[in-house]
C-alpha atoms as a PDB file:
ATOM      1  CA  UNK A   1      37.373 -15.131 -33.778  1.00  0.00           C
ATOM      2  CA  UNK A   2      34.911 -12.623 -32.285  1.00  0.00           C
ATOM      3  CA  UNK A   3      31.281 -13.699 -32.379  1.00  0.00           C
ATOM      4  CA  UNK A   4      29.283 -12.432 -35.341  1.00  0.00           C
ATOM      5  CA  UNK A   5      26.256 -10.173 -34.984  1.00  0.00           C
ATOM      6  CA  UNK A   6      23.969 -13.120 -35.814  1.00  0.00           C
ATOM      7  CA  UNK A   7      25.640 -15.286 -33.178  1.00  0.00           C
ATOM      8  CA  UNK A   8      25.299 -12.553 -30.554  1.00  0.00           C
ATOM      9  CA  UNK A   9      21.622 -12.074 -31.439  1.00  0.00           C
ATOM     10  CA  UNK A  10      20.971 -15.800 -31.181  1.00  0.00           C
ATOM     11  CA  UNK A  11      22.786 -15.988 -27.859  1.00  0.00           C
ATOM     12  CA  UNK A  12      20.767 -13.060 -26.515  1.00  0.00           C
ATOM     13  CA  UNK A  13      17.535 -14.696 -27.660  1.00  0.00           C
ATOM     14  CA  UNK A  14      18.432 -17.946 -25.919  1.00  0.00           C
ATOM     15  CA  UNK A  15      19.315 -16.037 -22.743  1.00  0.00           C
ATOM     16  CA  UNK A  16      15.982 -14.192 -22.742  1.00  0.00           C
ATOM     17  CA  UNK A  17      14.082 -17.412 -23.327  1.00  0.00           C
ATOM     18  CA  UNK A  18      15.972 -19.039 -20.467  1.00  0.00           C
ATOM     19  CA  UNK A  19      15.174 -16.109 -18.153  1.00  0.00           C
ATOM     20  CA  UNK A  20      11.470 -16.216 -19.072  1.00  0.00           C
ATOM     21  CA  UNK A  21      11.295 -19.953 -18.474  1.00  0.00           C
ATOM     22  CA  UNK A  22      13.078 -19.620 -15.129  1.00  0.00           C
ATOM     23  CA  UNK A  23      10.741 -16.810 -14.068  1.00  0.00           C
ATOM     24  CA  UNK A  24       7.719 -18.909 -15.037  1.00  0.00           C
ATOM     25  CA  UNK A  25       8.981 -21.859 -12.993  1.00  0.00           C
ATOM     26  CA  UNK A  26       9.393 -19.623  -9.934  1.00  0.00           C
ATOM     27  CA  UNK A  27       5.992 -17.972 -10.439  1.00  0.00           C
ATOM     28  CA  UNK A  28       4.218 -21.331 -10.582  1.00  0.00           C
ATOM     29  CA  UNK A  29       6.178 -22.556  -7.573  1.00  0.00           C
ATOM     30  CA  UNK A  30       4.984 -19.581  -5.506  1.00  0.00           C
ATOM     31  CA  UNK A  31       1.394 -20.334  -6.458  1.00  0.00           C
ATOM     32  CA  UNK A  32       1.718 -23.958  -5.376  1.00  0.00           C
ATOM     33  CA  UNK A  33       3.473 -22.994  -2.137  1.00  0.00           C
ATOM     34  CA  UNK A  34       0.695 -20.550  -1.266  1.00  0.00           C
ATOM     35  CA  UNK A  35      -2.032 -23.180  -1.594  1.00  0.00           C
ATOM     36  CA  UNK A  36      -0.280 -26.454  -0.754  1.00  0.00           C
ATOM     37  CA  UNK A  37       2.567 -25.383   1.537  1.00  0.00           C
ATOM     38  CA  UNK A  38       6.131 -26.591   1.363  1.00  0.00           C
ATOM     39  CA  UNK A  39       5.291 -30.243   1.981  1.00  0.00           C
ATOM     40  CA  UNK A  40       2.652 -30.229  -0.752  1.00  0.00           C
ATOM     41  CA  UNK A  41       4.952 -28.679  -3.337  1.00  0.00           C
ATOM     42  CA  UNK A  42       6.737 -31.024  -5.723  1.00  0.00           C
ATOM     43  CA  UNK A  43       8.846 -30.659  -8.831  1.00  0.00           C
ATOM     44  CA  UNK A  44       6.415 -33.009 -10.556  1.00  0.00           C
ATOM     45  CA  UNK A  45       3.536 -30.568 -10.065  1.00  0.00           C
ATOM     46  CA  UNK A  46       5.698 -27.599 -11.073  1.00  0.00           C
ATOM     47  CA  UNK A  47       6.644 -29.484 -14.240  1.00  0.00           C
ATOM     48  CA  UNK A  48       3.010 -30.324 -14.991  1.00  0.00           C
ATOM     49  CA  UNK A  49       1.733 -26.773 -14.480  1.00  0.00           C
ATOM     50  CA  UNK A  50       4.526 -25.177 -16.512  1.00  0.00           C
ATOM     51  CA  UNK A  51       4.457 -27.905 -19.164  1.00  0.00           C
ATOM     52  CA  UNK A  52       8.203 -28.213 -18.738  1.00  0.00           C
ATOM     53  CA  UNK A  53       9.872 -31.590 -18.306  1.00  0.00           C
ATOM     54  CA  UNK A  54      11.058 -32.268 -14.770  1.00  0.00           C
ATOM     55  CA  UNK A  55      14.516 -33.040 -16.140  1.00  0.00           C
ATOM     56  CA  UNK A  56      14.579 -29.567 -17.720  1.00  0.00           C
ATOM     57  CA  UNK A  57      13.795 -27.932 -14.384  1.00  0.00           C
ATOM     58  CA  UNK A  58      16.992 -29.481 -13.049  1.00  0.00           C
ATOM     59  CA  UNK A  59      18.891 -27.427 -15.641  1.00  0.00           C
ATOM     60  CA  UNK A  60      17.769 -24.324 -13.736  1.00  0.00           C
ATOM     61  CA  UNK A  61      17.629 -25.530 -10.134  1.00  0.00           C
ATOM     62  CA  UNK A  62      19.516 -28.308  -8.349  1.00  0.00           C
ATOM     63  CA  UNK A  63      16.371 -29.418  -6.525  1.00  0.00           C
ATOM     64  CA  UNK A  64      13.219 -28.398  -4.725  1.00  0.00           C
ATOM     65  CA  UNK A  65      14.941 -26.468  -1.930  1.00  0.00           C
ATOM     66  CA  UNK A  66      16.998 -24.382  -4.324  1.00  0.00           C
ATOM     67  CA  UNK A  67      13.876 -23.626  -6.377  1.00  0.00           C
ATOM     68  CA  UNK A  68      11.839 -22.649  -3.311  1.00  0.00           C
ATOM     69  CA  UNK A  69      14.641 -20.423  -1.996  1.00  0.00           C
ATOM     70  CA  UNK A  70      15.027 -18.701  -5.369  1.00  0.00           C
ATOM     71  CA  UNK A  71      11.273 -18.170  -5.749  1.00  0.00           C
ATOM     72  CA  UNK A  72      10.909 -16.655  -2.279  1.00  0.00           C
ATOM     73  CA  UNK A  73      13.930 -14.396  -2.730  1.00  0.00           C
ATOM     74  CA  UNK A  74      12.742 -13.240  -6.162  1.00  0.00           C
ATOM     75  CA  UNK A  75       9.319 -12.367  -4.738  1.00  0.00           C
ATOM     76  CA  UNK A  76      10.797 -10.528  -1.757  1.00  0.00           C
ATOM     77  CA  UNK A  77      13.275  -8.580  -3.868  1.00  0.00           C
ATOM     78  CA  UNK A  78      10.613  -7.385  -6.294  1.00  0.00           C
ATOM     79  CA  UNK A  79       8.209  -6.366  -3.523  1.00  0.00           C
ATOM     80  CA  UNK A  80      10.912  -4.502  -1.594  1.00  0.00           C
ATOM     81  CA  UNK A  81      12.136  -2.709  -4.709  1.00  0.00           C
ATOM     82  CA  UNK A  82       8.592  -1.533  -5.453  1.00  0.00           C
ATOM     83  CA  UNK A  83       8.121  -0.275  -1.902  1.00  0.00           C
ATOM     84  CA  UNK A  84      11.523   1.422  -1.870  1.00  0.00           C
ATOM     85  CA  UNK A  85      10.772   3.107  -5.196  1.00  0.00           C
ATOM     86  CA  UNK A  86       7.460   4.635  -4.087  1.00  0.00           C
ATOM     87  CA  UNK A  87       8.956   5.381  -0.672  1.00  0.00           C
ATOM     88  CA  UNK A  88      11.814   7.316  -2.222  1.00  0.00           C
ATOM     89  CA  UNK A  89       9.309   9.447  -4.105  1.00  0.00           C
ATOM     90  CA  UNK A  90       7.532  10.260  -0.838  1.00  0.00           C
ATOM     91  CA  UNK A  91      10.662  10.845   1.253  1.00  0.00           C
ATOM     92  CA  UNK A  92       9.936  14.551   1.721  1.00  0.00           C
ATOM     93  CA  UNK A  93       6.263  14.102   2.528  1.00  0.00           C
ATOM     94  CA  UNK A  94       4.759  14.147   6.037  1.00  0.00           C
ATOM     95  CA  UNK A  95       4.976  10.755   7.716  1.00  0.00           C
ATOM     96  CA  UNK A  96       1.215   9.992   7.399  1.00  0.00           C
ATOM     97  CA  UNK A  97       1.260  10.595   3.643  1.00  0.00           C
ATOM     98  CA  UNK A  98       4.499   8.634   3.267  1.00  0.00           C
ATOM     99  CA  UNK A  99       2.984   5.679   5.135  1.00  0.00           C
ATOM    100  CA  UNK A 100      -0.278   5.916   3.197  1.00  0.00           C
ATOM    101  CA  UNK A 101       1.663   5.657  -0.071  1.00  0.00           C
ATOM    102  CA  UNK A 102       3.498   2.560   1.180  1.00  0.00           C
ATOM    103  CA  UNK A 103       0.239   0.955   2.328  1.00  0.00           C
ATOM    104  CA  UNK A 104      -1.414   1.564  -1.047  1.00  0.00           C
ATOM    105  CA  UNK A 105       1.549   0.088  -2.891  1.00  0.00           C
ATOM    106  CA  UNK A 106       1.569  -2.939  -0.599  1.00  0.00           C
ATOM    107  CA  UNK A 107      -2.123  -3.519  -1.293  1.00  0.00           C
ATOM    108  CA  UNK A 108      -1.472  -3.183  -5.026  1.00  0.00           C
ATOM    109  CA  UNK A 109       1.257  -5.808  -4.742  1.00  0.00           C
ATOM    110  CA  UNK A 110      -0.823  -8.208  -2.636  1.00  0.00           C
ATOM    111  CA  UNK A 111      -4.133  -7.869  -4.441  1.00  0.00           C
ATOM    112  CA  UNK A 112      -3.030  -7.448  -8.036  1.00  0.00           C
ATOM    113  CA  UNK A 113       0.590  -8.452  -8.624  1.00  0.00           C
ATOM    114  CA  UNK A 114       1.331 -11.223  -6.116  1.00  0.00           C
ATOM    115  CA  UNK A 115      -1.892 -12.428  -4.447  1.00  0.00           C
ATOM    116  CA  UNK A 116      -0.002 -15.490  -3.219  1.00  0.00           C
ATOM    117  CA  UNK A 117       2.376 -13.357  -1.118  1.00  0.00           C
ATOM    118  CA  UNK A 118      -0.138 -12.655   1.627  1.00  0.00           C
ATOM    119  CA  UNK A 119      -0.956 -16.338   2.051  1.00  0.00           C
ATOM    120  CA  UNK A 120       2.717 -17.296   2.072  1.00  0.00           C
ATOM    121  CA  UNK A 121       3.804 -14.831   4.737  1.00  0.00           C
ATOM    122  CA  UNK A 122       0.753 -14.448   6.968  1.00  0.00           C
ATOM    123  CA  UNK A 123      -0.449 -17.969   7.730  1.00  0.00           C
ATOM    124  CA  UNK A 124       1.465 -20.489   9.869  1.00  0.00           C
ATOM    125  CA  UNK A 125       2.847 -23.387   7.895  1.00  0.00           C
ATOM    126  CA  UNK A 126       5.520 -26.017   8.226  1.00  0.00           C
ATOM    127  CA  UNK A 127       8.830 -24.976   6.664  1.00  0.00           C
ATOM    128  CA  UNK A 128      12.242 -26.648   6.906  1.00  0.00           C
ATOM    129  CA  UNK A 129      14.632 -24.679   9.090  1.00  0.00           C
ATOM    130  CA  UNK A 130      16.604 -23.238   6.161  1.00  0.00           C
ATOM    131  CA  UNK A 131      13.497 -21.685   4.630  1.00  0.00           C
ATOM    132  CA  UNK A 132      11.969 -20.686   7.949  1.00  0.00           C
ATOM    133  CA  UNK A 133      15.020 -18.602   8.813  1.00  0.00           C
ATOM    134  CA  UNK A 134      15.098 -17.095   5.326  1.00  0.00           C
ATOM    135  CA  UNK A 135      11.442 -16.094   5.570  1.00  0.00           C
ATOM    136  CA  UNK A 136      12.028 -14.458   8.948  1.00  0.00           C
ATOM    137  CA  UNK A 137      14.834 -12.432   7.368  1.00  0.00           C
ATOM    138  CA  UNK A 138      12.529 -11.459   4.497  1.00  0.00           C
ATOM    139  CA  UNK A 139       9.866 -10.292   6.950  1.00  0.00           C
ATOM    140  CA  UNK A 140      12.462  -8.189   8.787  1.00  0.00           C
ATOM    141  CA  UNK A 141      13.600  -6.535   5.542  1.00  0.00           C
ATOM    142  CA  UNK A 142       9.995  -5.767   4.667  1.00  0.00           C
ATOM    143  CA  UNK A 143       9.165  -4.512   8.152  1.00  0.00           C
ATOM    144  CA  UNK A 144      12.175  -2.173   8.149  1.00  0.00           C
ATOM    145  CA  UNK A 145      10.723  -0.118   5.288  1.00  0.00           C
ATOM    146  CA  UNK A 146       7.514   0.599   7.190  1.00  0.00           C
ATOM    147  CA  UNK A 147       9.234   0.866  10.570  1.00  0.00           C
ATOM    148  CA  UNK A 148      11.482   3.723   9.432  1.00  0.00           C
ATOM    149  CA  UNK A 149       8.452   5.820   8.451  1.00  0.00           C
ATOM    150  CA  UNK A 150       6.470   4.959  11.572  1.00  0.00           C
ATOM    151  CA  UNK A 151       9.362   5.775  13.893  1.00  0.00           C
ATOM    152  CA  UNK A 152       9.862   9.097  12.115  1.00  0.00           C
ATOM    153  CA  UNK A 153       6.166   9.875  12.566  1.00  0.00           C
ATOM    154  CA  UNK A 154       6.313   9.030  16.266  1.00  0.00           C
ATOM    155  CA  UNK A 155       9.391  11.227  16.720  1.00  0.00           C
ATOM    156  CA  UNK A 156       7.735  14.188  14.972  1.00  0.00           C
ATOM    157  CA  UNK A 157       4.472  13.690  16.834  1.00  0.00           C
ATOM    158  CA  UNK A 158       2.543  12.925  13.639  1.00  0.00           C
ATOM    159  CA  UNK A 159       1.708   9.397  14.826  1.00  0.00           C
ATOM    160  CA  UNK A 160       0.003   8.439  18.047  1.00  0.00           C
ATOM    161  CA  UNK A 161       0.969   4.826  18.747  1.00  0.00           C
ATOM    162  CA  UNK A 162       2.534   4.088  22.141  1.00  0.00           C
ATOM    163  CA  UNK A 163       4.017   0.752  21.028  1.00  0.00           C
ATOM    164  CA  UNK A 164       5.560   0.753  17.546  1.00  0.00           C
ATOM    165  CA  UNK A 165       6.067  -3.027  17.510  1.00  0.00           C
ATOM    166  CA  UNK A 166       2.405  -3.717  18.254  1.00  0.00           C
ATOM    167  CA  UNK A 167       1.265  -1.112  15.725  1.00  0.00           C
ATOM    168  CA  UNK A 168       3.421  -2.597  12.967  1.00  0.00           C
ATOM    169  CA  UNK A 169       2.287  -6.114  13.791  1.00  0.00           C
ATOM    170  CA  UNK A 170      -1.321  -4.992  13.403  1.00  0.00           C
ATOM    171  CA  UNK A 171      -0.506  -3.184  10.163  1.00  0.00           C
ATOM    172  CA  UNK A 172       1.123  -6.222   8.567  1.00  0.00           C
ATOM    173  CA  UNK A 173      -1.790  -8.378   9.693  1.00  0.00           C
ATOM    174  CA  UNK A 174      -4.294  -6.058   8.023  1.00  0.00           C
ATOM    175  CA  UNK A 175      -2.317  -5.886   4.791  1.00  0.00           C
ATOM    176  CA  UNK A 176      -1.631  -9.609   4.488  1.00  0.00           C
ATOM    177  CA  UNK A 177      -5.173 -10.681   5.297  1.00  0.00           C
ATOM    178  CA  UNK A 178      -6.625  -8.092   2.918  1.00  0.00           C
ATOM    179  CA  UNK A 179      -5.294 -10.220   0.063  1.00  0.00           C
ATOM    180  CA  UNK A 180      -7.678 -12.988   1.151  1.00  0.00           C
ATOM    181  CA  UNK A 181     -10.908 -11.005   0.953  1.00  0.00           C
ATOM    182  CA  UNK A 182     -10.102  -8.127  -1.429  1.00  0.00           C
ATOM    183  CA  UNK A 183     -10.312  -9.876  -4.767  1.00  0.00           C
ATOM    184  CA  UNK A 184      -8.355  -8.668  -7.776  1.00  0.00           C
ATOM    185  CA  UNK A 185     -11.076 -10.229  -9.922  1.00  0.00           C
ATOM    186  CA  UNK A 186     -13.499  -7.555  -8.727  1.00  0.00           C
ATOM    187  CA  UNK A 187     -14.252  -4.699 -11.084  1.00  0.00           C
ATOM    188  CA  UNK A 188     -11.792  -1.821 -10.973  1.00  0.00           C
ATOM    189  CA  UNK A 189     -14.062   0.560  -9.045  1.00  0.00           C
ATOM    190  CA  UNK A 190     -14.922  -2.011  -6.365  1.00  0.00           C
ATOM    191  CA  UNK A 191     -11.261  -2.973  -6.016  1.00  0.00           C
ATOM    192  CA  UNK A 192     -10.235   0.674  -5.639  1.00  0.00           C
ATOM    193  CA  UNK A 193     -12.927   1.305  -3.004  1.00  0.00           C
ATOM    194  CA  UNK A 194     -11.956  -1.807  -1.049  1.00  0.00           C
ATOM    195  CA  UNK A 195      -8.283  -0.910  -1.075  1.00  0.00           C
ATOM    196  CA  UNK A 196      -8.983   2.644   0.055  1.00  0.00           C
ATOM    197  CA  UNK A 197     -11.156   1.284   2.888  1.00  0.00           C
ATOM    198  CA  UNK A 198      -8.309  -0.977   4.002  1.00  0.00           C
ATOM    199  CA  UNK A 199      -5.854   1.932   3.745  1.00  0.00           C
ATOM    200  CA  UNK A 200      -8.093   4.128   5.912  1.00  0.00           C
ATOM    201  CA  UNK A 201      -8.451   1.350   8.509  1.00  0.00           C
ATOM    202  CA  UNK A 202      -4.687   0.768   8.562  1.00  0.00           C
ATOM    203  CA  UNK A 203      -3.941   4.463   9.034  1.00  0.00           C
ATOM    204  CA  UNK A 204      -6.206   4.648  12.083  1.00  0.00           C
ATOM    205  CA  UNK A 205      -3.648   2.504  13.899  1.00  0.00           C
ATOM    206  CA  UNK A 206      -1.255   5.446  13.767  1.00  0.00           C
ATOM    207  CA  UNK A 207      -3.412   8.562  13.576  1.00  0.00           C
ATOM    208  CA  UNK A 208      -6.247   8.807  16.099  1.00  0.00           C
END
């Protein structure tokens, strides 16, 4: 027999609860990774911080490596989708304005949405080979979004940077480290001023 409306509603509710719990597990895992590194991250601590039994976590993830991989991929996917969305809206703009929009969105992500992202991707840490390679791939996907705009600006003469690779390396360094000293806990005006100051400094890499 087809499922009743009540059964479908209950099933949908269970699915949403499962998704929320899974998202919470990954969010907490990212926070632990950013402060304790891979070696210092354990399912026991994830269970304690989420108030979810360790045995329950195994219903969602086969083990620590699967959880870490899922958390990193979820973070990367969300960040890239946000950048691609604002980038698509600026596709017809001059390259400097397009890049400025991407920089502002990246700062919003790092300082307000995912403050752990900068620490995860900017500071050297010890990762098993499987995660190290995955993180390199994530960095390349992220870099490609900015690189396309920078290369367009160089081609059109809007940007003055003789070495695109060096310029992008400097840009990513500025953005990632900004999450360490630009605090989201600051009042809104101070946060906005700090982020605009970082944006202006980043743009000087490309426009003399």
